[in-house]
PDB file of N, CA and C in Angstrom:
ATOM      1  N   UNK A   1       0.847  -1.174   0.000  1.00  0.00           N
ATOM      2  CA  UNK A   1       0.000   0.000   0.000  1.00  0.00           C
ATOM      3  C   UNK A   1       0.890   1.233   0.000  1.00  0.00           C
ATOM      4  N   UNK A   2       0.595   2.153  -0.866  1.00  0.00           N
ATOM      5  CA  UNK A   2       1.365   3.385  -0.943  1.00  0.00           C
ATOM      6  C   UNK A   2       1.183   4.202   0.329  1.00  0.00           C
ATOM      7  N   UNK A   3       2.183   4.999   0.653  1.00  0.00           N
ATOM      8  CA  UNK A   3       2.176   5.763   1.903  1.00  0.00           C
ATOM      9  C   UNK A   3       0.940   6.646   2.049  1.00  0.00           C
ATOM     10  N   UNK A   4       0.488   7.287   0.984  1.00  0.00           N
ATOM     11  CA  UNK A   4      -0.634   8.221   1.070  1.00  0.00           C
ATOM     12  C   UNK A   4      -1.945   7.648   0.545  1.00  0.00           C
ATOM     13  N   UNK A   5      -2.040   6.335   0.382  1.00  0.00           N
ATOM     14  CA  UNK A   5      -3.248   5.771  -0.213  1.00  0.00           C
ATOM     15  C   UNK A   5      -4.398   5.625   0.788  1.00  0.00           C
ATOM     16  N   UNK A   6      -4.114   5.474   2.069  1.00  0.00           N
ATOM     17  CA  UNK A   6      -5.203   5.275   3.027  1.00  0.00           C
ATOM     18  C   UNK A   6      -6.167   6.451   3.086  1.00  0.00           C
ATOM     19  N   UNK A   7      -5.702   7.702   3.185  1.00  0.00           N
ATOM     20  CA  UNK A   7      -6.670   8.812   3.246  1.00  0.00           C
ATOM     21  C   UNK A   7      -7.615   8.846   2.049  1.00  0.00           C
ATOM     22  N   UNK A   8      -7.139   8.418   0.884  1.00  0.00           N
ATOM     23  CA  UNK A   8      -8.022   8.422  -0.284  1.00  0.00           C
ATOM     24  C   UNK A   8      -9.102   7.356  -0.181  1.00  0.00           C
ATOM     25  N   UNK A   9      -8.878   6.320   0.618  1.00  0.00           N
ATOM     26  CA  UNK A   9      -9.851   5.240   0.747  1.00  0.00           C
ATOM     27  C   UNK A   9     -11.096   5.659   1.536  1.00  0.00           C
ATOM     28  N   UNK A  10     -11.019   6.700   2.334  1.00  0.00           N
ATOM     29  CA  UNK A  10     -12.188   7.132   3.101  1.00  0.00           C
ATOM     30  C   UNK A  10     -13.242   7.756   2.202  1.00  0.00           C
ATOM     31  N   UNK A  11     -12.891   8.068   0.961  1.00  0.00           N
ATOM     32  CA  UNK A  11     -13.842   8.664   0.033  1.00  0.00           C
ATOM     33  C   UNK A  11     -14.499   7.635  -0.882  1.00  0.00           C
ATOM     34  N   UNK A  12     -14.221   6.360  -0.660  1.00  0.00           N
ATOM     35  CA  UNK A  12     -14.794   5.293  -1.473  1.00  0.00           C
ATOM     36  C   UNK A  12     -16.239   5.057  -1.037  1.00  0.00           C
ATOM     37  N   UNK A  13     -17.144   4.966  -2.012  1.00  0.00           N
ATOM     38  CA  UNK A  13     -18.554   4.705  -1.699  1.00  0.00           C
ATOM     39  C   UNK A  13     -18.734   3.237  -1.339  1.00  0.00           C
ATOM     40  N   UNK A  14     -19.474   2.983  -0.278  1.00  0.00           N
ATOM     41  CA  UNK A  14     -19.774   1.618   0.154  1.00  0.00           C
ATOM     42  C   UNK A  14     -21.268   1.496   0.418  1.00  0.00           C
ATOM     43  N   UNK A  15     -21.754   0.286   0.377  1.00  0.00           N
ATOM     44  CA  UNK A  15     -23.157   0.022   0.682  1.00  0.00           C
ATOM     45  C   UNK A  15     -23.222  -0.552   2.094  1.00  0.00           C
ATOM     46  N   UNK A  16     -23.803   0.197   2.999  1.00  0.00           N
ATOM     47  CA  UNK A  16     -23.927  -0.198   4.408  1.00  0.00           C
ATOM     48  C   UNK A  16     -25.292  -0.849   4.587  1.00  0.00           C
ATOM     49  N   UNK A  17     -25.284  -2.164   4.883  1.00  0.00           N
ATOM     50  CA  UNK A  17     -26.541  -2.900   5.012  1.00  0.00           C
ATOM     51  C   UNK A  17     -27.146  -2.690   6.387  1.00  0.00           C
ATOM     52  N   UNK A  18     -28.378  -2.216   6.420  1.00  0.00           N
ATOM     53  CA  UNK A  18     -29.096  -2.023   7.686  1.00  0.00           C
ATOM     54  C   UNK A  18     -29.866  -3.289   8.029  1.00  0.00           C
ATOM     55  N   UNK A  19     -30.594  -3.830   7.071  1.00  0.00           N
ATOM     56  CA  UNK A  19     -31.314  -5.093   7.207  1.00  0.00           C
ATOM     57  C   UNK A  19     -31.178  -5.822   5.873  1.00  0.00           C
ATOM     58  N   UNK A  20     -31.773  -6.979   5.741  1.00  0.00           N
ATOM     59  CA  UNK A  20     -31.689  -7.700   4.465  1.00  0.00           C
ATOM     60  C   UNK A  20     -32.368  -6.933   3.339  1.00  0.00           C
ATOM     61  N   UNK A  21     -33.354  -6.130   3.672  1.00  0.00           N
ATOM     62  CA  UNK A  21     -34.115  -5.419   2.647  1.00  0.00           C
ATOM     63  C   UNK A  21     -33.752  -3.938   2.538  1.00  0.00           C
ATOM     64  N   UNK A  22     -32.872  -3.447   3.380  1.00  0.00           N
ATOM     65  CA  UNK A  22     -32.607  -2.012   3.388  1.00  0.00           C
ATOM     66  C   UNK A  22     -31.106  -1.748   3.478  1.00  0.00           C
ATOM     67  N   UNK A  23     -30.660  -0.723   2.796  1.00  0.00           N
ATOM     68  CA  UNK A  23     -29.254  -0.336   2.821  1.00  0.00           C
ATOM     69  C   UNK A  23     -29.131   1.178   2.655  1.00  0.00           C
ATOM     70  N   UNK A  24     -27.908   1.669   2.951  1.00  0.00           N
ATOM     71  CA  UNK A  24     -27.588   3.076   2.774  1.00  0.00           C
ATOM     72  C   UNK A  24     -26.265   3.135   2.020  1.00  0.00           C
ATOM     73  N   UNK A  25     -26.196   3.954   0.988  1.00  0.00           N
ATOM     74  CA  UNK A  25     -24.945   4.170   0.282  1.00  0.00           C
ATOM     75  C   UNK A  25     -24.238   5.357   0.927  1.00  0.00           C
ATOM     76  N   UNK A  26     -23.051   5.100   1.474  1.00  0.00           N
ATOM     77  CA  UNK A  26     -22.292   6.135   2.193  1.00  0.00           C
ATOM     78  C   UNK A  26     -20.818   6.036   1.813  1.00  0.00           C
ATOM     79  N   UNK A  27     -20.051   6.984   2.283  1.00  0.00           N
ATOM     80  CA  UNK A  27     -18.604   6.935   2.095  1.00  0.00           C
ATOM     81  C   UNK A  27     -17.973   6.082   3.186  1.00  0.00           C
ATOM     82  N   UNK A  28     -16.854   5.450   2.866  1.00  0.00           N
ATOM     83  CA  UNK A  28     -16.177   4.575   3.825  1.00  0.00           C
ATOM     84  C   UNK A  28     -15.811   5.324   5.107  1.00  0.00           C
ATOM     85  N   UNK A  29     -15.379   6.571   4.983  1.00  0.00           N
ATOM     86  CA  UNK A  29     -15.037   7.364   6.166  1.00  0.00           C
ATOM     87  C   UNK A  29     -16.226   7.602   7.069  1.00  0.00           C
ATOM     88  N   UNK A  30     -17.420   7.737   6.469  1.00  0.00           N
ATOM     89  CA  UNK A  30     -18.629   7.917   7.273  1.00  0.00           C
ATOM     90  C   UNK A  30     -18.955   6.655   8.069  1.00  0.00           C
ATOM     91  N   UNK A  31     -18.749   5.487   7.445  1.00  0.00           N
ATOM     92  CA  UNK A  31     -18.970   4.225   8.157  1.00  0.00           C
ATOM     93  C   UNK A  31     -17.981   4.098   9.304  1.00  0.00           C
ATOM     94  N   UNK A  32     -16.728   4.467   9.045  1.00  0.00           N
ATOM     95  CA  UNK A  32     -15.702   4.390  10.079  1.00  0.00           C
ATOM     96  C   UNK A  32     -16.054   5.249  11.285  1.00  0.00           C
ATOM     97  N   UNK A  33     -16.435   6.503  11.042  1.00  0.00           N
ATOM     98  CA  UNK A  33     -16.712   7.425  12.141  1.00  0.00           C
ATOM     99  C   UNK A  33     -18.081   7.226  12.777  1.00  0.00           C
ATOM    100  N   UNK A  34     -19.070   6.768  12.003  1.00  0.00           N
ATOM    101  CA  UNK A  34     -20.429   6.653  12.516  1.00  0.00           C
ATOM    102  C   UNK A  34     -20.757   5.286  13.091  1.00  0.00           C
ATOM    103  N   UNK A  35     -20.006   4.253  12.686  1.00  0.00           N
ATOM    104  CA  UNK A  35     -20.339   2.897  13.142  1.00  0.00           C
ATOM    105  C   UNK A  35     -19.143   2.186  13.774  1.00  0.00           C
ATOM    106  N   UNK A  36     -18.055   2.078  13.043  1.00  0.00           N
ATOM    107  CA  UNK A  36     -16.926   1.265  13.506  1.00  0.00           C
ATOM    108  C   UNK A  36     -16.261   1.821  14.763  1.00  0.00           C
ATOM    109  N   UNK A  37     -15.974   3.106  14.780  1.00  0.00           N
ATOM    110  CA  UNK A  37     -15.307   3.693  15.945  1.00  0.00           C
ATOM    111  C   UNK A  37     -16.182   3.636  17.200  1.00  0.00           C
ATOM    112  N   UNK A  38     -17.462   4.058  17.134  1.00  0.00           N
ATOM    113  CA  UNK A  38     -18.296   3.938  18.328  1.00  0.00           C
ATOM    114  C   UNK A  38     -18.459   2.485  18.788  1.00  0.00           C
ATOM    115  N   UNK A  39     -18.550   1.558  17.843  1.00  0.00           N
ATOM    116  CA  UNK A  39     -18.685   0.142  18.200  1.00  0.00           C
ATOM    117  C   UNK A  39     -17.434  -0.348  18.928  1.00  0.00           C
ATOM    118  N   UNK A  40     -16.259   0.061  18.452  1.00  0.00           N
ATOM    119  CA  UNK A  40     -15.015  -0.319  19.109  1.00  0.00           C
ATOM    120  C   UNK A  40     -14.990   0.179  20.555  1.00  0.00           C
ATOM    121  N   UNK A  41     -15.311   1.450  20.754  1.00  0.00           N
ATOM    122  CA  UNK A  41     -15.278   2.009  22.110  1.00  0.00           C
ATOM    123  C   UNK A  41     -16.332   1.371  23.012  1.00  0.00           C
ATOM    124  N   UNK A  42     -17.504   1.050  22.459  1.00  0.00           N
ATOM    125  CA  UNK A  42     -18.530   0.374  23.246  1.00  0.00           C
ATOM    126  C   UNK A  42     -18.011  -0.976  23.745  1.00  0.00           C
ATOM    127  N   UNK A  43     -17.428  -1.760  22.844  1.00  0.00           N
ATOM    128  CA  UNK A  43     -16.965  -3.095  23.229  1.00  0.00           C
ATOM    129  C   UNK A  43     -15.753  -3.038  24.155  1.00  0.00           C
ATOM    130  N   UNK A  44     -14.866  -2.069  23.950  1.00  0.00           N
ATOM    131  CA  UNK A  44     -13.733  -1.917  24.861  1.00  0.00           C
ATOM    132  C   UNK A  44     -14.219  -1.560  26.266  1.00  0.00           C
ATOM    133  N   UNK A  45     -15.219  -0.693  26.354  1.00  0.00           N
ATOM    134  CA  UNK A  45     -15.787  -0.313  27.651  1.00  0.00           C
ATOM    135  C   UNK A  45     -16.503  -1.490  28.300  1.00  0.00           C
ATOM    136  N   UNK A  46     -17.245  -2.255  27.517  1.00  0.00           N
ATOM    137  CA  UNK A  46     -17.945  -3.425  28.059  1.00  0.00           C
ATOM    138  C   UNK A  46     -16.943  -4.444  28.600  1.00  0.00           C
ATOM    139  N   UNK A  47     -15.848  -4.685  27.861  1.00  0.00           N
ATOM    140  CA  UNK A  47     -14.828  -5.626  28.335  1.00  0.00           C
ATOM    141  C   UNK A  47     -14.185  -5.118  29.625  1.00  0.00           C
ATOM    142  N   UNK A  48     -13.896  -3.830  29.691  1.00  0.00           N
ATOM    143  CA  UNK A  48     -13.327  -3.230  30.889  1.00  0.00           C
ATOM    144  C   UNK A  48     -14.269  -3.419  32.080  1.00  0.00           C
ATOM    145  N   UNK A  49     -15.563  -3.155  31.871  1.00  0.00           N
ATOM    146  CA  UNK A  49     -16.546  -3.304  32.948  1.00  0.00           C
ATOM    147  C   UNK A  49     -16.645  -4.748  33.438  1.00  0.00           C
ATOM    148  N   UNK A  50     -16.626  -5.691  32.515  1.00  0.00           N
ATOM    149  CA  UNK A  50     -16.710  -7.107  32.883  1.00  0.00           C
ATOM    150  C   UNK A  50     -15.480  -7.514  33.688  1.00  0.00           C
ATOM    151  N   UNK A  51     -14.301  -7.086  33.240  1.00  0.00           N
ATOM    152  CA  UNK A  51     -13.078  -7.420  33.967  1.00  0.00           C
ATOM    153  C   UNK A  51     -13.096  -6.829  35.369  1.00  0.00           C
ATOM    154  N   UNK A  52     -13.533  -5.582  35.500  1.00  0.00           N
ATOM    155  CA  UNK A  52     -13.609  -4.962  36.828  1.00  0.00           C
ATOM    156  C   UNK A  52     -14.622  -5.685  37.713  1.00  0.00           C
ATOM    157  N   UNK A  53     -15.758  -6.088  37.122  1.00  0.00           N
ATOM    158  CA  UNK A  53     -16.781  -6.799  37.879  1.00  0.00           C
ATOM    159  C   UNK A  53     -16.247  -8.142  38.393  1.00  0.00           C
ATOM    160  N   UNK A  54     -15.365  -8.764  37.627  1.00  0.00           N
ATOM    161  CA  UNK A  54     -14.787 -10.058  38.009  1.00  0.00           C
ATOM    162  C   UNK A  54     -13.608  -9.907  38.962  1.00  0.00           C
ATOM    163  N   UNK A  55     -13.268  -8.672  39.325  1.00  0.00           N
ATOM    164  CA  UNK A  55     -12.231  -8.445  40.321  1.00  0.00           C
ATOM    165  C   UNK A  55     -10.847  -8.151  39.778  1.00  0.00           C
ATOM    166  N   UNK A  56     -10.701  -8.021  38.477  1.00  0.00           N
ATOM    167  CA  UNK A  56      -9.394  -7.702  37.900  1.00  0.00           C
ATOM    168  C   UNK A  56      -9.054  -6.248  38.238  1.00  0.00           C
ATOM    169  N   UNK A  57      -7.863  -6.047  38.763  1.00  0.00           N
ATOM    170  CA  UNK A  57      -7.437  -4.708  39.167  1.00  0.00           C
ATOM    171  C   UNK A  57      -6.810  -3.990  37.975  1.00  0.00           C
ATOM    172  N   UNK A  58      -7.637  -3.354  37.173  1.00  0.00           N
ATOM    173  CA  UNK A  58      -7.141  -2.569  36.048  1.00  0.00           C
ATOM    174  C   UNK A  58      -7.687  -1.155  36.159  1.00  0.00           C
ATOM    175  N   UNK A  59      -6.983  -0.245  35.555  1.00  0.00           N
ATOM    176  CA  UNK A  59      -7.403   1.151  35.588  1.00  0.00           C
ATOM    177  C   UNK A  59      -6.961   1.864  34.331  1.00  0.00           C
ATOM    178  N   UNK A  60      -7.021   3.176  34.370  1.00  0.00           N
ATOM    179  CA  UNK A  60      -6.713   3.991  33.203  1.00  0.00           C
ATOM    180  C   UNK A  60      -5.274   3.801  32.737  1.00  0.00           C
ATOM    181  N   UNK A  61      -4.351   3.623  33.661  1.00  0.00           N
ATOM    182  CA  UNK A  61      -2.939   3.457  33.292  1.00  0.00           C
ATOM    183  C   UNK A  61      -2.720   2.216  32.416  1.00  0.00           C
ATOM    184  N   UNK A  62      -3.562   1.205  32.570  1.00  0.00           N
ATOM    185  CA  UNK A  62      -3.422   0.000  31.757  1.00  0.00           C
ATOM    186  C   UNK A  62      -3.784   0.247  30.293  1.00  0.00           C
ATOM    187  N   UNK A  63      -4.511   1.278  30.009  1.00  0.00           N
ATOM    188  CA  UNK A  63      -4.899   1.598  28.643  1.00  0.00           C
ATOM    189  C   UNK A  63      -3.932   2.560  27.961  1.00  0.00           C
ATOM    190  N   UNK A  64      -3.100   3.236  28.733  1.00  0.00           N
ATOM    191  CA  UNK A  64      -2.182   4.208  28.157  1.00  0.00           C
ATOM    192  C   UNK A  64      -1.151   3.569  27.234  1.00  0.00           C
ATOM    193  N   UNK A  65      -0.572   2.459  27.644  1.00  0.00           N
ATOM    194  CA  UNK A  65       0.508   1.862  26.862  1.00  0.00           C
ATOM    195  C   UNK A  65       1.791   2.657  27.044  1.00  0.00           C
ATOM    196  N   UNK A  66       2.706   2.484  26.090  1.00  0.00           N
ATOM    197  CA  UNK A  66       3.982   3.192  26.198  1.00  0.00           C
ATOM    198  C   UNK A  66       3.810   4.632  25.744  1.00  0.00           C
ATOM    199  N   UNK A  67       4.714   5.466  26.176  1.00  0.00           N
ATOM    200  CA  UNK A  67       4.704   6.877  25.781  1.00  0.00           C
ATOM    201  C   UNK A  67       5.178   6.978  24.337  1.00  0.00           C
ATOM    202  N   UNK A  68       4.409   7.670  23.513  1.00  0.00           N
ATOM    203  CA  UNK A  68       4.774   7.869  22.120  1.00  0.00           C
ATOM    204  C   UNK A  68       5.275   9.293  21.942  1.00  0.00           C
ATOM    205  N   UNK A  69       6.499   9.418  21.496  1.00  0.00           N
ATOM    206  CA  UNK A  69       7.036  10.757  21.273  1.00  0.00           C
ATOM    207  C   UNK A  69       7.937  10.747  20.042  1.00  0.00           C
ATOM    208  N   UNK A  70       7.983  11.888  19.404  1.00  0.00           N
ATOM    209  CA  UNK A  70       8.847  12.053  18.245  1.00  0.00           C
ATOM    210  C   UNK A  70      10.226  12.493  18.696  1.00  0.00           C
ATOM    211  N   UNK A  71      11.256  12.111  17.970  1.00  0.00           N
ATOM    212  CA  UNK A  71      12.612  12.559  18.335  1.00  0.00           C
ATOM    213  C   UNK A  71      12.702  14.091  18.268  1.00  0.00           C
ATOM    214  N   UNK A  72      13.442  14.635  19.187  1.00  0.00           N
ATOM    215  CA  UNK A  72      13.604  16.096  19.229  1.00  0.00           C
ATOM    216  C   UNK A  72      14.784  16.501  18.389  1.00  0.00           C
TER     217      UNK A  72
END
């Protein structure tokens, strides 16, 4: 994949199926921001809640990961 090809892919038209009989034609970027990203955060939050309910000692620091910085 070319270095700058991903941003161009968000403008690709896709057919988003709502039900077997209904669909919406949208851009790929709209599906990403309107469906995929919220779904990811919902499931990550649900998994976090389940782990906490089961007694796993996790918190915000566990989600941070390593520090990302650019060379100065």
